[in-house]
Amino acid sequence: MSIKGILTDIEGTTTSLSFVKDVLFPYADQQMEVFVVKHRQDPQVAKLIDDVRLETGNAVLSLAGAIAQLRQWIADDKKITPLKAIQGLMWEEGYRNGDFTGHVYEDAVRHLLHWHELGLKLYVYSSGSVYAQKLLFGYSDAGDLTPLFSGYFDTAVGHKREANSYQTIVEALDLSASEILFLSDIAEELDAAAQVGLKTCCLVRENQPTATLQHPCVKNFDELDVMSIT
């Protein structure tokens, strides 16, 4: 059965790890207090601060305490939904203000365009919020790439190292698991996807070890022949 859909990770796959770690995360950390205080009365931000309180189990956590917790989660690289949502709102301001553009590898841009032209359905699954995903591709170095994608998934469907998350994604798409190719640079994510029948391929862009890898691997999208995968 041939591949009809491609589900791709972002960090280390379409986008350099350094962009996220050296540009987006520091920006969110440095601007967190200013942003939250400025927008604390906005219903969306107010709800997310309440979600932080729920996540911590402290219903009376102060605004300053919530900001401190959000910054600590950034420092600890936590994949927590209210943090990701607030980061997405902050990054929107940054993109719109021209503070940065979304990094997408040149080979990834070319092949995403090519696969879309071939009629393959393209989807994104990242620990960053769907909102943040759309911003990165919408304000990318190569312009607005969002028309290429048919759907986006984040930790609302589950964590990326859990097989059930990929089963949820399969059920949301009009494709069987074996018709979907999942691209990532993380072995545990690929393992989880393979457990429910997805085809997998590891992107080894930054020289991570491959000796124990149980998946096909390529250094970039140019080495990936999607049409030969059965």
Protein backbone atom coordinates (compact mmCIF):
# COMPACT_ATOMS: atom_id res chain seq x y z
CA MET A 1 0.00 0.00 0.00
CA SER A 2 1.50 3.35 -1.01
CA ILE A 3 1.92 6.43 1.15
CA LYS A 4 -0.98 8.88 0.89
CA GLY A 5 -0.24 11.12 3.85
CA ILE A 6 2.85 12.49 5.59
CA LEU A 7 2.83 13.44 9.27
CA THR A 8 5.86 15.50 10.21
CA ASP A 9 7.49 16.65 13.40
CA ILE A 10 8.95 20.18 13.44
CA GLU A 11 12.01 20.49 15.70
CA GLY A 12 14.98 18.68 14.15
CA THR A 13 12.87 17.58 11.19
CA THR A 14 11.56 20.55 9.19
CA THR A 15 13.20 23.12 11.44
CA SER A 16 16.54 23.44 13.21
CA LEU A 17 16.62 22.71 16.91
CA SER A 18 18.62 25.90 17.37
CA PHE A 19 15.76 28.07 16.08
CA VAL A 20 13.43 26.78 18.77
CA LYS A 21 16.01 26.62 21.57
CA ASP A 22 17.99 29.78 20.74
CA VAL A 23 15.26 32.05 19.36
CA LEU A 24 11.72 31.05 20.35
CA PHE A 25 12.27 29.75 23.91
CA PRO A 26 14.48 32.66 25.06
CA TYR A 27 12.02 35.14 23.54
CA ALA A 28 9.14 33.58 25.50
CA ASP A 29 11.17 33.50 28.70
CA GLN A 30 12.34 37.10 28.41
CA GLN A 31 8.92 38.49 27.42
CA MET A 32 6.73 36.33 29.68
CA GLU A 33 6.14 38.81 32.49
CA VAL A 34 5.56 41.79 30.19
CA PHE A 35 3.18 39.79 27.97
CA VAL A 36 1.09 38.23 30.75
CA VAL A 37 0.74 41.47 32.70
CA LYS A 38 -0.18 43.36 29.53
CA HIS A 39 -2.80 40.80 28.47
CA ARG A 40 -3.98 39.52 31.86
CA GLN A 41 -7.50 40.86 31.26
CA ASP A 42 -7.82 39.19 27.85
CA PRO A 43 -10.24 36.24 28.24
CA GLN A 44 -7.90 33.82 26.44
CA VAL A 45 -4.88 34.69 28.58
CA ALA A 46 -6.94 34.81 31.78
CA LYS A 47 -8.22 31.29 31.09
CA LEU A 48 -4.69 30.02 30.43
CA ILE A 49 -3.51 31.46 33.74
CA ASP A 50 -6.39 29.58 35.39
CA ASP A 51 -5.17 26.47 33.55
CA VAL A 52 -1.72 27.03 35.09
CA ARG A 53 -3.37 27.09 38.52
CA LEU A 54 -5.18 23.83 37.71
CA GLU A 55 -1.95 22.24 36.48
CA THR A 56 -0.13 23.18 39.69
CA GLY A 57 -3.04 22.28 41.96
CA ASN A 58 -2.92 25.74 43.51
CA ALA A 59 -6.24 27.52 42.91
CA VAL A 60 -5.03 30.72 44.61
CA LEU A 61 -1.69 30.99 42.81
CA SER A 62 -0.97 34.67 42.22
CA LEU A 63 -0.33 36.16 38.79
CA ALA A 64 3.34 36.60 39.72
CA GLY A 65 3.42 32.99 40.87
CA ALA A 66 1.86 31.81 37.61
CA ILE A 67 4.44 33.78 35.61
CA ALA A 68 7.25 32.27 37.69
CA GLN A 69 5.81 28.79 37.11
CA LEU A 70 5.57 29.35 33.36
CA ARG A 71 9.20 30.48 33.24
CA GLN A 72 10.26 27.47 35.30
CA TRP A 73 8.45 25.15 32.88
CA ILE A 74 10.37 26.79 30.03
CA ALA A 75 13.66 26.24 31.91
CA ASP A 76 12.71 22.60 32.50
CA ASP A 77 11.56 22.15 28.86
CA LYS A 78 8.15 20.93 30.00
CA LYS A 79 5.53 20.04 27.36
CA ILE A 80 2.58 21.48 29.27
CA THR A 81 -0.46 22.64 27.32
CA PRO A 82 -1.12 26.07 28.95
CA LEU A 83 2.57 26.96 28.59
CA LYS A 84 2.56 25.99 24.92
CA ALA A 85 -0.61 28.00 24.33
CA ILE A 86 0.79 31.14 25.97
CA GLN A 87 4.06 30.75 24.10
CA GLY A 88 2.06 30.58 20.88
CA LEU A 89 0.33 33.87 21.65
CA MET A 90 3.64 35.50 22.49
CA TRP A 91 5.32 34.19 19.36
CA GLU A 92 2.46 35.59 17.28
CA GLU A 93 3.39 39.05 18.49
CA GLY A 94 7.03 38.37 17.67
CA TYR A 95 6.25 37.12 14.15
CA ARG A 96 3.84 39.97 13.44
CA ASN A 97 6.35 42.52 14.75
CA GLY A 98 9.05 41.07 12.52
CA ASP A 99 11.24 40.11 15.49
CA PHE A 100 11.99 36.79 13.73
CA THR A 101 10.74 34.48 10.96
CA GLY A 102 10.10 30.75 11.19
CA HIS A 103 13.07 28.64 10.17
CA VAL A 104 12.30 25.82 7.73
CA TYR A 105 15.11 23.90 6.04
CA GLU A 106 15.37 24.67 2.32
CA ASP A 107 15.15 20.97 1.42
CA ALA A 108 12.03 20.65 3.57
CA VAL A 109 10.37 23.57 1.77
CA ARG A 110 11.09 22.07 -1.65
CA HIS A 111 9.79 18.64 -0.77
CA LEU A 112 6.72 19.84 1.10
CA LEU A 113 5.81 21.80 -2.04
CA HIS A 114 6.53 18.77 -4.24
CA TRP A 115 4.56 16.33 -2.09
CA HIS A 116 1.62 18.72 -2.02
CA GLU A 117 1.72 18.97 -5.81
CA LEU A 118 1.70 15.16 -6.00
CA GLY A 119 -1.54 15.16 -4.03
CA LEU A 120 -0.14 13.78 -0.77
CA LYS A 121 -1.91 15.01 2.36
CA LEU A 122 0.49 16.79 4.73
CA TYR A 123 0.03 17.02 8.50
CA VAL A 124 2.06 18.34 11.43
CA TYR A 125 2.43 16.78 14.88
CA SER A 126 4.51 18.77 17.35
CA SER A 127 4.69 19.32 21.09
CA GLY A 128 4.31 23.02 20.31
CA SER A 129 0.69 24.16 20.15
CA VAL A 130 -1.22 24.03 16.86
CA TYR A 131 -1.33 27.81 17.07
CA ALA A 132 2.48 27.99 17.28
CA GLN A 133 2.84 25.49 14.43
CA LYS A 134 0.69 27.62 12.14
CA LEU A 135 2.67 30.72 13.06
CA LEU A 136 6.01 29.09 12.30
CA PHE A 137 4.89 27.88 8.86
CA GLY A 138 2.79 30.98 8.22
CA TYR A 139 5.68 33.35 8.87
CA SER A 140 8.47 31.10 7.58
CA ASP A 141 11.67 32.19 5.87
CA ALA A 142 10.06 30.93 2.64
CA GLY A 143 6.77 32.77 3.14
CA ASP A 144 3.36 31.35 4.06
CA LEU A 145 3.51 27.54 3.86
CA THR A 146 0.24 26.87 5.71
CA PRO A 147 -1.76 26.17 2.50
CA LEU A 148 0.33 23.01 2.09
CA PHE A 149 -1.02 21.37 5.24
CA SER A 150 -4.33 19.58 5.73
CA GLY A 151 -4.16 19.41 9.53
CA TYR A 152 -2.16 20.04 12.69
CA PHE A 153 -1.86 18.07 15.95
CA ASP A 154 -0.30 18.89 19.31
CA THR A 155 -0.25 17.43 22.83
CA ALA A 156 -4.04 17.80 23.02
CA VAL A 157 -4.13 14.36 21.32
CA GLY A 158 -1.53 12.99 23.73
CA HIS A 159 2.22 12.98 24.18
CA LYS A 160 4.44 12.16 21.24
CA ARG A 161 6.12 9.13 22.81
CA GLU A 162 2.79 7.35 23.45
CA ALA A 163 1.27 5.01 20.86
CA ASN A 164 -2.29 6.06 21.71
CA SER A 165 -1.54 9.56 20.43
CA TYR A 166 -0.83 8.23 16.95
CA GLN A 167 -3.92 6.02 17.04
CA THR A 168 -5.98 9.15 17.81
CA ILE A 169 -4.40 10.91 14.82
CA VAL A 170 -5.08 7.97 12.50
CA GLU A 171 -8.73 7.96 13.59
CA ALA A 172 -8.95 11.68 12.79
CA LEU A 173 -7.68 11.20 9.24
CA ASP A 174 -9.37 9.53 6.29
CA LEU A 175 -6.37 7.22 5.89
CA SER A 176 -5.25 3.89 7.26
CA ALA A 177 -2.17 3.79 9.49
CA SER A 178 -0.09 2.04 6.82
CA GLU A 179 -0.79 4.88 4.36
CA ILE A 180 0.80 7.47 6.67
CA LEU A 181 4.53 8.19 6.89
CA PHE A 182 5.71 9.79 10.14
CA LEU A 183 8.91 11.88 10.05
CA SER A 184 10.79 12.72 13.26
CA ASP A 185 14.28 12.97 14.72
CA ILE A 186 13.30 11.22 17.98
CA ALA A 187 13.52 7.42 18.14
CA GLU A 188 10.91 7.08 20.91
CA GLU A 189 8.35 9.02 18.86
CA LEU A 190 9.02 6.82 15.83
CA ASP A 191 8.70 3.72 18.01
CA ALA A 192 5.30 4.87 19.27
CA ALA A 193 4.06 5.63 15.75
CA ALA A 194 5.25 2.26 14.44
CA GLN A 195 3.35 0.46 17.21
CA VAL A 196 0.05 1.48 15.61
CA GLY A 197 1.17 0.72 12.05
CA LEU A 198 2.49 4.03 10.69
CA LYS A 199 5.46 3.97 8.34
CA THR A 200 8.40 5.82 9.86
CA CYS A 201 11.61 7.58 8.90
CA CYS A 202 14.17 9.29 11.14
CA LEU A 203 15.74 12.60 10.19
CA VAL A 204 19.38 12.61 11.29
CA ARG A 205 20.15 16.27 10.66
CA GLU A 206 22.25 16.94 13.75
CA ASN A 207 24.41 13.81 13.99
CA GLN A 208 22.38 12.02 16.64
CA PRO A 209 23.40 8.34 17.14
CA THR A 210 21.71 5.78 14.88
CA ALA A 211 23.37 2.51 15.94
CA THR A 212 20.31 1.20 17.78
CA LEU A 213 17.72 2.88 15.56
CA GLN A 214 15.00 0.51 14.34
CA HIS A 215 13.76 2.84 11.59
CA PRO A 216 14.96 3.96 8.14
CA CYS A 217 16.95 7.17 8.46
CA VAL A 218 17.99 10.02 6.16
CA LYS A 219 20.06 13.17 6.64
CA ASN A 220 17.59 15.44 4.87
CA PHE A 221 14.42 15.38 2.78
CA ASP A 222 16.45 15.07 -0.44
CA GLU A 223 17.39 11.52 0.62
CA LEU A 224 13.76 10.54 1.21
CA ASP A 225 11.97 8.76 -1.63
CA VAL A 226 8.39 8.75 -0.40
CA MET A 227 6.97 7.13 -3.53
CA SER A 228 9.14 4.03 -3.07
CA ILE A 229 7.79 3.33 0.43
CA THR A 230 5.23 0.52 0.47
